[in-house]
Amino acid sequence: MAKYTFEEIKTLLLKSINEDHVEAELRLIFKDKSNEYMIIIYDDHCSFQRCGLLEEQSGEYNYKTLDELYKAQQVDNIILERDWNNIIEFDCVDFEMSGYWQ
Protein backbone atom coordinates (compact mmCIF):
# COMPACT_ATOMS: atom_id res chain seq x y z
CA MET A 1 0.00 0.00 0.00
CA ALA A 2 1.36 3.41 -0.99
CA LYS A 3 2.15 5.85 1.82
CA TYR A 4 -0.09 8.53 0.25
CA THR A 5 -3.27 8.27 -1.77
CA PHE A 6 -3.52 9.91 -5.15
CA GLU A 7 -6.02 12.41 -3.69
CA GLU A 8 -3.53 13.41 -0.97
CA ILE A 9 -0.74 13.89 -3.54
CA LYS A 10 -3.08 15.76 -5.87
CA THR A 11 -4.05 18.14 -3.04
CA LEU A 12 -0.37 18.84 -2.24
CA LEU A 13 0.58 19.38 -5.90
CA LEU A 14 -2.32 21.79 -6.44
CA LYS A 15 -1.54 23.63 -3.21
CA SER A 16 2.08 23.95 -4.31
CA ILE A 17 1.25 25.57 -7.64
CA ASN A 18 -1.91 27.51 -6.69
CA GLU A 19 -0.92 28.86 -3.27
CA ASP A 20 2.88 28.84 -3.20
CA HIS A 21 3.45 29.23 -6.98
CA VAL A 22 6.02 26.41 -6.93
CA GLU A 23 6.32 23.95 -9.82
CA ALA A 24 6.75 20.95 -7.54
CA GLU A 25 8.65 17.92 -8.82
CA LEU A 26 7.43 14.73 -7.17
CA ARG A 27 9.73 11.71 -7.54
CA LEU A 28 8.13 8.25 -7.53
CA ILE A 29 9.79 4.86 -7.07
CA PHE A 30 7.84 1.72 -7.96
CA LYS A 31 8.60 -1.69 -6.46
CA ASP A 32 8.58 -3.36 -9.88
CA LYS A 33 10.48 -0.74 -11.94
CA SER A 34 14.22 -0.06 -12.02
CA ASN A 35 13.88 3.61 -12.99
CA GLU A 36 12.52 6.57 -11.08
CA TYR A 37 9.61 8.62 -12.39
CA MET A 38 8.46 12.17 -11.81
CA ILE A 39 5.24 14.16 -11.81
CA ILE A 40 5.66 17.91 -12.27
CA ILE A 41 2.89 20.45 -11.71
CA TYR A 42 2.80 23.67 -13.77
CA ASP A 43 0.40 26.62 -13.85
CA ASP A 44 -1.49 25.30 -16.86
CA HIS A 45 -0.69 21.58 -17.04
CA CYS A 46 1.20 18.70 -15.45
CA SER A 47 3.61 16.08 -16.72
CA PHE A 48 4.90 12.56 -16.11
CA GLN A 49 8.33 11.27 -17.11
CA ARG A 50 10.90 8.53 -16.60
CA CYS A 51 14.13 9.80 -15.03
CA GLY A 52 17.65 8.44 -15.26
CA LEU A 53 20.67 8.72 -17.47
CA LEU A 54 20.17 10.74 -20.63
CA GLU A 55 19.49 7.64 -22.71
CA GLU A 56 16.95 6.37 -20.14
CA GLN A 57 14.92 9.59 -19.84
CA SER A 58 11.55 9.60 -21.54
CA GLY A 59 10.93 13.30 -21.77
CA GLU A 60 7.75 14.84 -20.39
CA TYR A 61 4.31 13.54 -21.26
CA ASN A 62 1.97 16.49 -20.73
CA TYR A 63 -1.62 16.46 -19.48
CA LYS A 64 -4.19 19.18 -18.82
CA THR A 65 -5.10 17.83 -15.38
CA LEU A 66 -3.72 15.52 -12.71
CA ASP A 67 -6.82 13.35 -13.08
CA GLU A 68 -6.08 12.90 -16.79
CA LEU A 69 -2.45 12.03 -15.98
CA TYR A 70 -3.62 9.55 -13.32
CA LYS A 71 -5.80 7.59 -15.77
CA ALA A 72 -3.50 7.68 -18.82
CA GLN A 73 -1.08 4.97 -19.88
CA GLN A 74 2.41 6.30 -19.26
CA VAL A 75 5.88 5.30 -20.34
CA ASP A 76 6.80 1.71 -19.33
CA ASN A 77 3.11 0.77 -19.34
CA ILE A 78 2.47 2.59 -16.05
CA ILE A 79 -1.12 3.55 -15.35
CA LEU A 80 -1.14 5.32 -12.01
CA GLU A 81 -4.79 4.49 -11.40
CA ARG A 82 -3.89 0.79 -11.63
CA ASP A 83 -0.31 0.89 -10.31
CA TRP A 84 -0.53 3.40 -7.45
CA ASN A 85 -0.09 0.75 -4.76
CA ASN A 86 3.22 -0.31 -6.38
CA ILE A 87 4.77 3.03 -5.37
CA ILE A 88 7.20 2.39 -2.52
CA GLU A 89 8.68 5.86 -2.18
CA PHE A 90 7.60 9.46 -2.69
CA ASP A 91 10.17 12.25 -2.61
CA CYS A 92 9.64 15.96 -3.18
CA VAL A 93 12.12 18.59 -2.01
CA ASP A 94 9.55 21.27 -2.85
CA PHE A 95 7.04 19.70 -0.40
CA GLU A 96 9.71 19.48 2.29
CA MET A 97 10.75 23.13 1.79
CA SER A 98 7.11 24.24 1.96
CA GLY A 99 6.51 22.22 5.14
CA TYR A 100 3.97 19.88 3.54
CA TRP A 101 5.79 16.84 4.83
CA GLN A 102 8.98 15.94 6.66
PDB file of N, CA and C in Angstrom:
ATOM      1  N   MET A   1       0.838  -1.184   0.000  1.00  0.00           N
ATOM      2  CA  MET A   1       0.000   0.000   0.000  1.00  0.00           C
ATOM      3  C   MET A   1       0.883   1.248   0.000  1.00  0.00           C
ATOM      4  N   ALA A   2       0.597   2.170  -0.891  1.00  0.00           N
ATOM      5  CA  ALA A   2       1.357   3.410  -0.993  1.00  0.00           C
ATOM      6  C   ALA A   2       1.156   4.266   0.257  1.00  0.00           C
ATOM      7  N   LYS A   3       2.182   5.013   0.618  1.00  0.00           N
ATOM      8  CA  LYS A   3       2.151   5.853   1.819  1.00  0.00           C
ATOM      9  C   LYS A   3       1.104   6.962   1.708  1.00  0.00           C
ATOM     10  N   TYR A   4       0.875   7.455   0.499  1.00  0.00           N
ATOM     11  CA  TYR A   4      -0.085   8.527   0.251  1.00  0.00           C
ATOM     12  C   TYR A   4      -1.064   8.086  -0.821  1.00  0.00           C
ATOM     13  N   THR A   5      -2.301   8.529  -0.718  1.00  0.00           N
ATOM     14  CA  THR A   5      -3.273   8.271  -1.771  1.00  0.00           C
ATOM     15  C   THR A   5      -3.044   9.272  -2.899  1.00  0.00           C
ATOM     16  N   PHE A   6      -3.602   8.964  -4.050  1.00  0.00           N
ATOM     17  CA  PHE A   6      -3.524   9.908  -5.153  1.00  0.00           C
ATOM     18  C   PHE A   6      -4.184  11.235  -4.763  1.00  0.00           C
ATOM     19  N   GLU A   7      -5.317  11.180  -4.084  1.00  0.00           N
ATOM     20  CA  GLU A   7      -6.021  12.409  -3.691  1.00  0.00           C
ATOM     21  C   GLU A   7      -5.159  13.265  -2.765  1.00  0.00           C
ATOM     22  N   GLU A   8      -4.419  12.651  -1.849  1.00  0.00           N
ATOM     23  CA  GLU A   8      -3.529  13.407  -0.966  1.00  0.00           C
ATOM     24  C   GLU A   8      -2.412  14.077  -1.764  1.00  0.00           C
ATOM     25  N   ILE A   9      -1.818  13.339  -2.701  1.00  0.00           N
ATOM     26  CA  ILE A   9      -0.745  13.893  -3.541  1.00  0.00           C
ATOM     27  C   ILE A   9      -1.293  14.988  -4.444  1.00  0.00           C
ATOM     28  N   LYS A  10      -2.443  14.760  -5.009  1.00  0.00           N
ATOM     29  CA  LYS A  10      -3.080  15.760  -5.874  1.00  0.00           C
ATOM     30  C   LYS A  10      -3.305  17.061  -5.101  1.00  0.00           C
ATOM     31  N   THR A  11      -3.811  16.961  -3.872  1.00  0.00           N
ATOM     32  CA  THR A  11      -4.046  18.136  -3.041  1.00  0.00           C
ATOM     33  C   THR A  11      -2.747  18.898  -2.800  1.00  0.00           C
ATOM     34  N   LEU A  12      -1.660  18.184  -2.498  1.00  0.00           N
ATOM     35  CA  LEU A  12      -0.371  18.839  -2.244  1.00  0.00           C
ATOM     36  C   LEU A  12       0.188  19.489  -3.504  1.00  0.00           C
ATOM     37  N   LEU A  13       0.087  18.805  -4.639  1.00  0.00           N
ATOM     38  CA  LEU A  13       0.577  19.379  -5.895  1.00  0.00           C
ATOM     39  C   LEU A  13      -0.196  20.648  -6.250  1.00  0.00           C
ATOM     40  N   LEU A  14      -1.514  20.605  -6.116  1.00  0.00           N
ATOM     41  CA  LEU A  14      -2.323  21.786  -6.439  1.00  0.00           C
ATOM     42  C   LEU A  14      -2.065  22.919  -5.458  1.00  0.00           C
ATOM     43  N   LYS A  15      -1.884  22.602  -4.194  1.00  0.00           N
ATOM     44  CA  LYS A  15      -1.537  23.628  -3.206  1.00  0.00           C
ATOM     45  C   LYS A  15      -0.203  24.275  -3.557  1.00  0.00           C
ATOM     46  N   SER A  16       0.743  23.461  -3.956  1.00  0.00           N
ATOM     47  CA  SER A  16       2.076  23.955  -4.308  1.00  0.00           C
ATOM     48  C   SER A  16       2.007  24.984  -5.428  1.00  0.00           C
ATOM     49  N   ILE A  17       1.280  24.668  -6.478  1.00  0.00           N
ATOM     50  CA  ILE A  17       1.247  25.567  -7.636  1.00  0.00           C
ATOM     51  C   ILE A  17       0.273  26.725  -7.426  1.00  0.00           C
ATOM     52  N   ASN A  18      -0.879  26.474  -6.811  1.00  0.00           N
ATOM     53  CA  ASN A  18      -1.906  27.514  -6.689  1.00  0.00           C
ATOM     54  C   ASN A  18      -1.667  28.482  -5.539  1.00  0.00           C
ATOM     55  N   GLU A  19      -1.118  27.991  -4.431  1.00  0.00           N
ATOM     56  CA  GLU A  19      -0.917  28.856  -3.267  1.00  0.00           C
ATOM     57  C   GLU A  19       0.518  29.361  -3.146  1.00  0.00           C
ATOM     58  N   ASP A  20       1.481  28.472  -3.377  1.00  0.00           N
ATOM     59  CA  ASP A  20       2.885  28.839  -3.203  1.00  0.00           C
ATOM     60  C   ASP A  20       3.585  29.189  -4.518  1.00  0.00           C
ATOM     61  N   HIS A  21       2.913  28.945  -5.644  1.00  0.00           N
ATOM     62  CA  HIS A  21       3.453  29.230  -6.977  1.00  0.00           C
ATOM     63  C   HIS A  21       4.778  28.510  -7.216  1.00  0.00           C
ATOM     64  N   VAL A  22       4.833  27.259  -6.769  1.00  0.00           N
ATOM     65  CA  VAL A  22       6.020  26.410  -6.928  1.00  0.00           C
ATOM     66  C   VAL A  22       5.672  25.258  -7.856  1.00  0.00           C
ATOM     67  N   GLU A  23       6.476  25.081  -8.894  1.00  0.00           N
ATOM     68  CA  GLU A  23       6.320  23.953  -9.815  1.00  0.00           C
ATOM     69  C   GLU A  23       6.966  22.727  -9.172  1.00  0.00           C
ATOM     70  N   ALA A  24       6.219  22.071  -8.308  1.00  0.00           N
ATOM     71  CA  ALA A  24       6.746  20.945  -7.542  1.00  0.00           C
ATOM     72  C   ALA A  24       7.085  19.763  -8.452  1.00  0.00           C
ATOM     73  N   GLU A  25       8.201  19.118  -8.122  1.00  0.00           N
ATOM     74  CA  GLU A  25       8.653  17.917  -8.819  1.00  0.00           C
ATOM     75  C   GLU A  25       8.593  16.759  -7.834  1.00  0.00           C
ATOM     76  N   LEU A  26       7.651  15.859  -8.061  1.00  0.00           N
ATOM     77  CA  LEU A  26       7.431  14.725  -7.172  1.00  0.00           C
ATOM     78  C   LEU A  26       8.061  13.474  -7.785  1.00  0.00           C
ATOM     79  N   ARG A  27       9.029  12.906  -7.071  1.00  0.00           N
ATOM     80  CA  ARG A  27       9.729  11.706  -7.543  1.00  0.00           C
ATOM     81  C   ARG A  27       9.014  10.473  -7.006  1.00  0.00           C
ATOM     82  N   LEU A  28       8.806   9.494  -7.878  1.00  0.00           N
ATOM     83  CA  LEU A  28       8.129   8.249  -7.528  1.00  0.00           C
ATOM     84  C   LEU A  28       9.052   7.069  -7.792  1.00  0.00           C
ATOM     85  N   ILE A  29       9.054   6.117  -6.866  1.00  0.00           N
ATOM     86  CA  ILE A  29       9.787   4.864  -7.066  1.00  0.00           C
ATOM     87  C   ILE A  29       8.783   3.725  -6.929  1.00  0.00           C
ATOM     88  N   PHE A  30       8.749   2.863  -7.934  1.00  0.00           N
ATOM     89  CA  PHE A  30       7.843   1.721  -7.956  1.00  0.00           C
ATOM     90  C   PHE A  30       8.605   0.458  -7.578  1.00  0.00           C
ATOM     91  N   LYS A  31       7.935  -0.458  -6.897  1.00  0.00           N
ATOM     92  CA  LYS A  31       8.597  -1.686  -6.460  1.00  0.00           C
ATOM     93  C   LYS A  31       8.984  -2.583  -7.629  1.00  0.00           C
ATOM     94  N   ASP A  32       8.329  -2.465  -8.759  1.00  0.00           N
ATOM     95  CA  ASP A  32       8.581  -3.361  -9.882  1.00  0.00           C
ATOM     96  C   ASP A  32       9.254  -2.673 -11.078  1.00  0.00           C
ATOM     97  N   LYS A  33       9.805  -1.478 -10.863  1.00  0.00           N
ATOM     98  CA  LYS A  33      10.483  -0.738 -11.936  1.00  0.00           C
ATOM     99  C   LYS A  33      11.882  -0.345 -11.481  1.00  0.00           C
ATOM    100  N   SER A  34      12.840  -0.408 -12.383  1.00  0.00           N
ATOM    101  CA  SER A  34      14.221  -0.063 -12.021  1.00  0.00           C
ATOM    102  C   SER A  34      14.499   1.437 -12.123  1.00  0.00           C
ATOM    103  N   ASN A  35      13.684   2.167 -12.849  1.00  0.00           N
ATOM    104  CA  ASN A  35      13.880   3.611 -12.994  1.00  0.00           C
ATOM    105  C   ASN A  35      13.018   4.384 -12.005  1.00  0.00           C
ATOM    106  N   GLU A  36      13.354   5.653 -11.845  1.00  0.00           N
ATOM    107  CA  GLU A  36      12.525   6.572 -11.081  1.00  0.00           C
ATOM    108  C   GLU A  36      11.666   7.355 -12.068  1.00  0.00           C
ATOM    109  N   TYR A  37      10.556   7.868 -11.565  1.00  0.00           N
ATOM    110  CA  TYR A  37       9.612   8.621 -12.390  1.00  0.00           C
ATOM    111  C   TYR A  37       9.289   9.919 -11.672  1.00  0.00           C
ATOM    112  N   MET A  38       8.729  10.869 -12.412  1.00  0.00           N
ATOM    113  CA  MET A  38       8.460  12.167 -11.813  1.00  0.00           C
ATOM    114  C   MET A  38       7.162  12.751 -12.357  1.00  0.00           C
ATOM    115  N   ILE A  39       6.398  13.339 -11.446  1.00  0.00           N
ATOM    116  CA  ILE A  39       5.243  14.161 -11.805  1.00  0.00           C
ATOM    117  C   ILE A  39       5.645  15.603 -11.505  1.00  0.00           C
ATOM    118  N   ILE A  40       5.385  16.483 -12.459  1.00  0.00           N
ATOM    119  CA  ILE A  40       5.663  17.909 -12.268  1.00  0.00           C
ATOM    120  C   ILE A  40       4.363  18.679 -12.489  1.00  0.00           C
ATOM    121  N   ILE A  41       4.079  19.609 -11.577  1.00  0.00           N
ATOM    122  CA  ILE A  41       2.892  20.453 -11.711  1.00  0.00           C
ATOM    123  C   ILE A  41       3.314  21.831 -12.229  1.00  0.00           C
ATOM    124  N   TYR A  42       2.580  22.330 -13.206  1.00  0.00           N
ATOM    125  CA  TYR A  42       2.799  23.666 -13.772  1.00  0.00           C
ATOM    126  C   TYR A  42       1.523  24.478 -13.630  1.00  0.00           C
ATOM    127  N   ASP A  43       1.587  25.764 -13.937  1.00  0.00           N
ATOM    128  CA  ASP A  43       0.397  26.618 -13.854  1.00  0.00           C
ATOM    129  C   ASP A  43      -0.750  26.113 -14.711  1.00  0.00           C
ATOM    130  N   ASP A  44      -0.436  25.640 -15.914  1.00  0.00           N
ATOM    131  CA  ASP A  44      -1.494  25.302 -16.861  1.00  0.00           C
ATOM    132  C   ASP A  44      -1.516  23.850 -17.302  1.00  0.00           C
ATOM    133  N   HIS A  45      -0.684  23.006 -16.714  1.00  0.00           N
ATOM    134  CA  HIS A  45      -0.686  21.581 -17.044  1.00  0.00           C
ATOM    135  C   HIS A  45       0.181  20.825 -16.047  1.00  0.00           C
ATOM    136  N   CYS A  46       0.313  19.534 -16.264  1.00  0.00           N
ATOM    137  CA  CYS A  46       1.195  18.701 -15.448  1.00  0.00           C
ATOM    138  C   CYS A  46       1.867  17.696 -16.375  1.00  0.00           C
ATOM    139  N   SER A  47       2.904  17.026 -15.867  1.00  0.00           N
ATOM    140  CA  SER A  47       3.613  16.080 -16.719  1.00  0.00           C
ATOM    141  C   SER A  47       4.073  14.863 -15.925  1.00  0.00           C
ATOM    142  N   PHE A  48       4.360  13.801 -16.660  1.00  0.00           N
ATOM    143  CA  PHE A  48       4.900  12.559 -16.109  1.00  0.00           C
ATOM    144  C   PHE A  48       6.102  12.197 -16.966  1.00  0.00           C
ATOM    145  N   GLN A  49       7.152  11.660 -16.335  1.00  0.00           N
ATOM    146  CA  GLN A  49       8.327  11.270 -17.105  1.00  0.00           C
ATOM    147  C   GLN A  49       9.139  10.203 -16.380  1.00  0.00           C
ATOM    148  N   ARG A  50       9.909   9.467 -17.161  1.00  0.00           N
ATOM    149  CA  ARG A  50      10.898   8.532 -16.600  1.00  0.00           C
ATOM    150  C   ARG A  50      12.194   9.300 -16.458  1.00  0.00           C
ATOM    151  N   CYS A  51      12.859   9.135 -15.313  1.00  0.00           N
ATOM    152  CA  CYS A  51      14.127   9.797 -15.034  1.00  0.00           C
ATOM    153  C   CYS A  51      15.269   8.797 -15.213  1.00  0.00           C
ATOM    154  N   GLY A  52      16.478   9.289 -15.175  1.00  0.00           N
ATOM    155  CA  GLY A  52      17.650   8.436 -15.263  1.00  0.00           C
ATOM    156  C   GLY A  52      18.730   9.077 -16.107  1.00  0.00           C
ATOM    157  N   LEU A  53      19.635   8.245 -16.563  1.00  0.00           N
ATOM    158  CA  LEU A  53      20.673   8.718 -17.470  1.00  0.00           C
ATOM    159  C   LEU A  53      20.019   9.264 -18.726  1.00  0.00           C
ATOM    160  N   LEU A  54      20.731  10.086 -19.454  1.00  0.00           N
ATOM    161  CA  LEU A  54      20.167  10.735 -20.627  1.00  0.00           C
ATOM    162  C   LEU A  54      19.468   9.751 -21.561  1.00  0.00           C
ATOM    163  N   GLU A  55      20.088   8.610 -21.795  1.00  0.00           N
ATOM    164  CA  GLU A  55      19.494   7.635 -22.714  1.00  0.00           C
ATOM    165  C   GLU A  55      18.294   6.901 -22.114  1.00  0.00           C
ATOM    166  N   GLU A  56      18.087   7.016 -20.801  1.00  0.00           N
ATOM    167  CA  GLU A  56      16.947   6.373 -20.142  1.00  0.00           C
ATOM    168  C   GLU A  56      15.749   7.311 -19.994  1.00  0.00           C
ATOM    169  N   GLN A  57      15.984   8.611 -20.052  1.00  0.00           N
ATOM    170  CA  GLN A  57      14.924   9.591 -19.838  1.00  0.00           C
ATOM    171  C   GLN A  57      13.880   9.518 -20.946  1.00  0.00           C
ATOM    172  N   SER A  58      12.639   9.691 -20.563  1.00  0.00           N
ATOM    173  CA  SER A  58      11.555   9.603 -21.542  1.00  0.00           C
ATOM    174  C   SER A  58      11.143  10.949 -22.103  1.00  0.00           C
ATOM    175  N   GLY A  59      11.508  12.018 -21.425  1.00  0.00           N
ATOM    176  CA  GLY A  59      10.933  13.304 -21.767  1.00  0.00           C
ATOM    177  C   GLY A  59       9.572  13.409 -21.101  1.00  0.00           C
ATOM    178  N   GLU A  60       9.015  14.608 -21.096  1.00  0.00           N
ATOM    179  CA  GLU A  60       7.754  14.837 -20.393  1.00  0.00           C
ATOM    180  C   GLU A  60       6.554  14.486 -21.266  1.00  0.00           C
ATOM    181  N   TYR A  61       5.614  13.781 -20.661  1.00  0.00           N
ATOM    182  CA  TYR A  61       4.310  13.537 -21.265  1.00  0.00           C
ATOM    183  C   TYR A  61       3.354  14.484 -20.560  1.00  0.00           C
ATOM    184  N   ASN A  62       2.758  15.408 -21.309  1.00  0.00           N
ATOM    185  CA  ASN A  62       1.971  16.493 -20.732  1.00  0.00           C
ATOM    186  C   ASN A  62       0.479  16.196 -20.728  1.00  0.00           C
ATOM    187  N   TYR A  63      -0.189  16.658 -19.660  1.00  0.00           N
ATOM    188  CA  TYR A  63      -1.624  16.465 -19.476  1.00  0.00           C
ATOM    189  C   TYR A  63      -2.233  17.753 -18.958  1.00  0.00           C
ATOM    190  N   LYS A  64      -3.506  17.972 -19.274  1.00  0.00           N
ATOM    191  CA  LYS A  64      -4.193  19.179 -18.819  1.00  0.00           C
ATOM    192  C   LYS A  64      -4.458  19.136 -17.322  1.00  0.00           C
ATOM    193  N   THR A  65      -4.759  17.946 -16.796  1.00  0.00           N
ATOM    194  CA  THR A  65      -5.100  17.832 -15.376  1.00  0.00           C
ATOM    195  C   THR A  65      -4.376  16.637 -14.748  1.00  0.00           C
ATOM    196  N   LEU A  66      -4.293  16.659 -13.429  1.00  0.00           N
ATOM    197  CA  LEU A  66      -3.717  15.519 -12.710  1.00  0.00           C
ATOM    198  C   LEU A  66      -4.613  14.292 -12.836  1.00  0.00           C
ATOM    199  N   ASP A  67      -5.915  14.489 -12.905  1.00  0.00           N
ATOM    200  CA  ASP A  67      -6.824  13.348 -13.077  1.00  0.00           C
ATOM    201  C   ASP A  67      -6.598  12.667 -14.423  1.00  0.00           C
ATOM    202  N   GLU A  68      -6.373  13.454 -15.464  1.00  0.00           N
ATOM    203  CA  GLU A  68      -6.082  12.902 -16.790  1.00  0.00           C
ATOM    204  C   GLU A  68      -4.759  12.129 -16.757  1.00  0.00           C
ATOM    205  N   LEU A  69      -3.747  12.697 -16.130  1.00  0.00           N
ATOM    206  CA  LEU A  69      -2.448  12.030 -15.983  1.00  0.00           C
ATOM    207  C   LEU A  69      -2.614  10.706 -15.231  1.00  0.00           C
ATOM    208  N   TYR A  70      -3.405  10.710 -14.179  1.00  0.00           N
ATOM    209  CA  TYR A  70      -3.620   9.546 -13.322  1.00  0.00           C
ATOM    210  C   TYR A  70      -4.223   8.362 -14.091  1.00  0.00           C
ATOM    211  N   LYS A  71      -5.093   8.645 -15.042  1.00  0.00           N
ATOM    212  CA  LYS A  71      -5.796   7.588 -15.772  1.00  0.00           C
ATOM    213  C   LYS A  71      -5.093   7.157 -17.059  1.00  0.00           C
ATOM    214  N   ALA A  72      -4.146   7.949 -17.531  1.00  0.00           N
ATOM    215  CA  ALA A  72      -3.497   7.685 -18.821  1.00  0.00           C
ATOM    216  C   ALA A  72      -2.406   6.623 -18.707  1.00  0.00           C
ATOM    217  N   GLN A  73      -2.212   5.897 -19.814  1.00  0.00           N
ATOM    218  CA  GLN A  73      -1.078   4.967 -19.879  1.00  0.00           C
ATOM    219  C   GLN A  73       0.183   5.783 -20.101  1.00  0.00           C
ATOM    220  N   GLN A  74       1.162   5.567 -19.230  1.00  0.00           N
ATOM    221  CA  GLN A  74       2.412   6.303 -19.263  1.00  0.00           C
ATOM    222  C   GLN A  74       3.522   5.450 -19.892  1.00  0.00           C
ATOM    223  N   VAL A  75       4.691   6.012 -19.922  1.00  0.00           N
ATOM    224  CA  VAL A  75       5.879   5.305 -20.341  1.00  0.00           C
ATOM    225  C   VAL A  75       6.013   4.037 -19.473  1.00  0.00           C
ATOM    226  N   ASP A  76       6.589   2.989 -20.023  1.00  0.00           N
ATOM    227  CA  ASP A  76       6.801   1.714 -19.332  1.00  0.00           C
ATOM    228  C   ASP A  76       5.495   1.071 -18.875  1.00  0.00           C
ATOM    229  N   ASN A  77       4.420   1.370 -19.592  1.00  0.00           N
ATOM    230  CA  ASN A  77       3.107   0.771 -19.341  1.00  0.00           C
ATOM    231  C   ASN A  77       2.585   1.070 -17.933  1.00  0.00           C
ATOM    232  N   ILE A  78       2.972   2.189 -17.364  1.00  0.00           N
ATOM    233  CA  ILE A  78       2.471   2.588 -16.050  1.00  0.00           C
ATOM    234  C   ILE A  78       1.126   3.289 -16.236  1.00  0.00           C
ATOM    235  N   ILE A  79       0.159   2.858 -15.475  1.00  0.00           N
ATOM    236  CA  ILE A  79      -1.125   3.549 -15.350  1.00  0.00           C
ATOM    237  C   ILE A  79      -1.289   3.792 -13.856  1.00  0.00           C
ATOM    238  N   LEU A  80      -1.137   5.026 -13.445  1.00  0.00           N
ATOM    239  CA  LEU A  80      -1.137   5.320 -12.014  1.00  0.00           C
ATOM    240  C   LEU A  80      -2.407   4.839 -11.324  1.00  0.00           C
ATOM    241  N   GLU A  81      -3.536   4.957 -11.985  1.00  0.00           N
ATOM    242  CA  GLU A  81      -4.795   4.495 -11.395  1.00  0.00           C
ATOM    243  C   GLU A  81      -4.707   3.007 -11.029  1.00  0.00           C
ATOM    244  N   ARG A  82      -4.057   2.231 -11.848  1.00  0.00           N
ATOM    245  CA  ARG A  82      -3.892   0.793 -11.625  1.00  0.00           C
ATOM    246  C   ARG A  82      -2.682   0.480 -10.749  1.00  0.00           C
ATOM    247  N   ASP A  83      -1.603   1.240 -10.916  1.00  0.00           N
ATOM    248  CA  ASP A  83      -0.307   0.889 -10.310  1.00  0.00           C
ATOM    249  C   ASP A  83       0.050   1.695  -9.065  1.00  0.00           C
ATOM    250  N   TRP A  84      -0.854   2.522  -8.574  1.00  0.00           N
ATOM    251  CA  TRP A  84      -0.533   3.405  -7.455  1.00  0.00           C
ATOM    252  C   TRP A  84       0.024   2.637  -6.258  1.00  0.00           C
ATOM    253  N   ASN A  85      -0.535   1.497  -5.939  1.00  0.00           N
ATOM    254  CA  ASN A  85      -0.089   0.750  -4.761  1.00  0.00           C
ATOM    255  C   ASN A  85       1.267   0.077  -4.956  1.00  0.00           C
ATOM    256  N   ASN A  86       1.848   0.170  -6.140  1.00  0.00           N
ATOM    257  CA  ASN A  86       3.216  -0.311  -6.377  1.00  0.00           C
ATOM    258  C   ASN A  86       4.264   0.764  -6.071  1.00  0.00           C
ATOM    259  N   ILE A  87       3.825   1.968  -5.724  1.00  0.00           N
ATOM    260  CA  ILE A  87       4.766   3.034  -5.374  1.00  0.00           C
ATOM    261  C   ILE A  87       5.272   2.774  -3.965  1.00  0.00           C
ATOM    262  N   ILE A  88       6.608   2.673  -3.836  1.00  0.00           N
ATOM    263  CA  ILE A  88       7.199   2.393  -2.524  1.00  0.00           C
ATOM    264  C   ILE A  88       7.881   3.615  -1.912  1.00  0.00           C
ATOM    265  N   GLU A  89       8.052   4.657  -2.721  1.00  0.00           N
ATOM    266  CA  GLU A  89       8.681   5.861  -2.178  1.00  0.00           C
ATOM    267  C   GLU A  89       8.210   7.089  -2.939  1.00  0.00           C
ATOM    268  N   PHE A  90       7.931   8.140  -2.163  1.00  0.00           N
ATOM    269  CA  PHE A  90       7.602   9.458  -2.691  1.00  0.00           C
ATOM    270  C   PHE A  90       8.680  10.402  -2.180  1.00  0.00           C
ATOM    271  N   ASP A  91       9.170  11.283  -3.044  1.00  0.00           N
ATOM    272  CA  ASP A  91      10.169  12.255  -2.615  1.00  0.00           C
ATOM    273  C   ASP A  91       9.897  13.568  -3.341  1.00  0.00           C
ATOM    274  N   CYS A  92       9.865  14.655  -2.574  1.00  0.00           N
ATOM    275  CA  CYS A  92       9.635  15.965  -3.177  1.00  0.00           C
ATOM    276  C   CYS A  92      10.284  17.031  -2.305  1.00  0.00           C
ATOM    277  N   VAL A  93      11.415  17.533  -2.743  1.00  0.00           N
ATOM    278  CA  VAL A  93      12.124  18.586  -2.014  1.00  0.00           C
ATOM    279  C   VAL A  93      11.225  19.816  -1.868  1.00  0.00           C
ATOM    280  N   ASP A  94      10.440  20.102  -2.889  1.00  0.00           N
ATOM    281  CA  ASP A  94       9.547  21.270  -2.845  1.00  0.00           C
ATOM    282  C   ASP A  94       8.527  21.134  -1.715  1.00  0.00           C
ATOM    283  N   PHE A  95       7.993  19.934  -1.497  1.00  0.00           N
ATOM    284  CA  PHE A  95       7.042  19.705  -0.404  1.00  0.00           C
ATOM    285  C   PHE A  95       7.736  19.865   0.941  1.00  0.00           C
ATOM    286  N   GLU A  96       8.955  19.364   1.042  1.00  0.00           N
ATOM    287  CA  GLU A  96       9.712  19.484   2.286  1.00  0.00           C
ATOM    288  C   GLU A  96       9.995  20.949   2.602  1.00  0.00           C
ATOM    289  N   MET A  97      10.420  21.709   1.600  1.00  0.00           N
ATOM    290  CA  MET A  97      10.746  23.131   1.790  1.00  0.00           C
ATOM    291  C   MET A  97       9.506  23.948   2.167  1.00  0.00           C
ATOM    292  N   SER A  98       8.349  23.536   1.662  1.00  0.00           N
ATOM    293  CA  SER A  98       7.111  24.241   1.960  1.00  0.00           C
ATOM    294  C   SER A  98       6.470  23.768   3.265  1.00  0.00           C
ATOM    295  N   GLY A  99       7.037  22.730   3.884  1.00  0.00           N
ATOM    296  CA  GLY A  99       6.508  22.216   5.136  1.00  0.00           C
ATOM    297  C   GLY A  99       5.316  21.294   4.971  1.00  0.00           C
ATOM    298  N   TYR A 100       5.081  20.793   3.769  1.00  0.00           N
ATOM    299  CA  TYR A 100       3.966  19.885   3.543  1.00  0.00           C
ATOM    300  C   TYR A 100       4.194  18.533   4.184  1.00  0.00           C
ATOM    301  N   TRP A 101       5.431  18.091   4.170  1.00  0.00           N
ATOM    302  CA  TRP A 101       5.788  16.843   4.831  1.00  0.00           C
ATOM    303  C   TRP A 101       7.241  16.894   5.244  1.00  0.00           C
ATOM    304  N   GLN A 102       7.620  15.972   6.121  1.00  0.00           N
ATOM    305  CA  GLN A 102       8.978  15.940   6.663  1.00  0.00           C
ATOM    306  C   GLN A 102       9.862  15.002   5.847  1.00  0.00           C
TER     307      GLN A 102
END
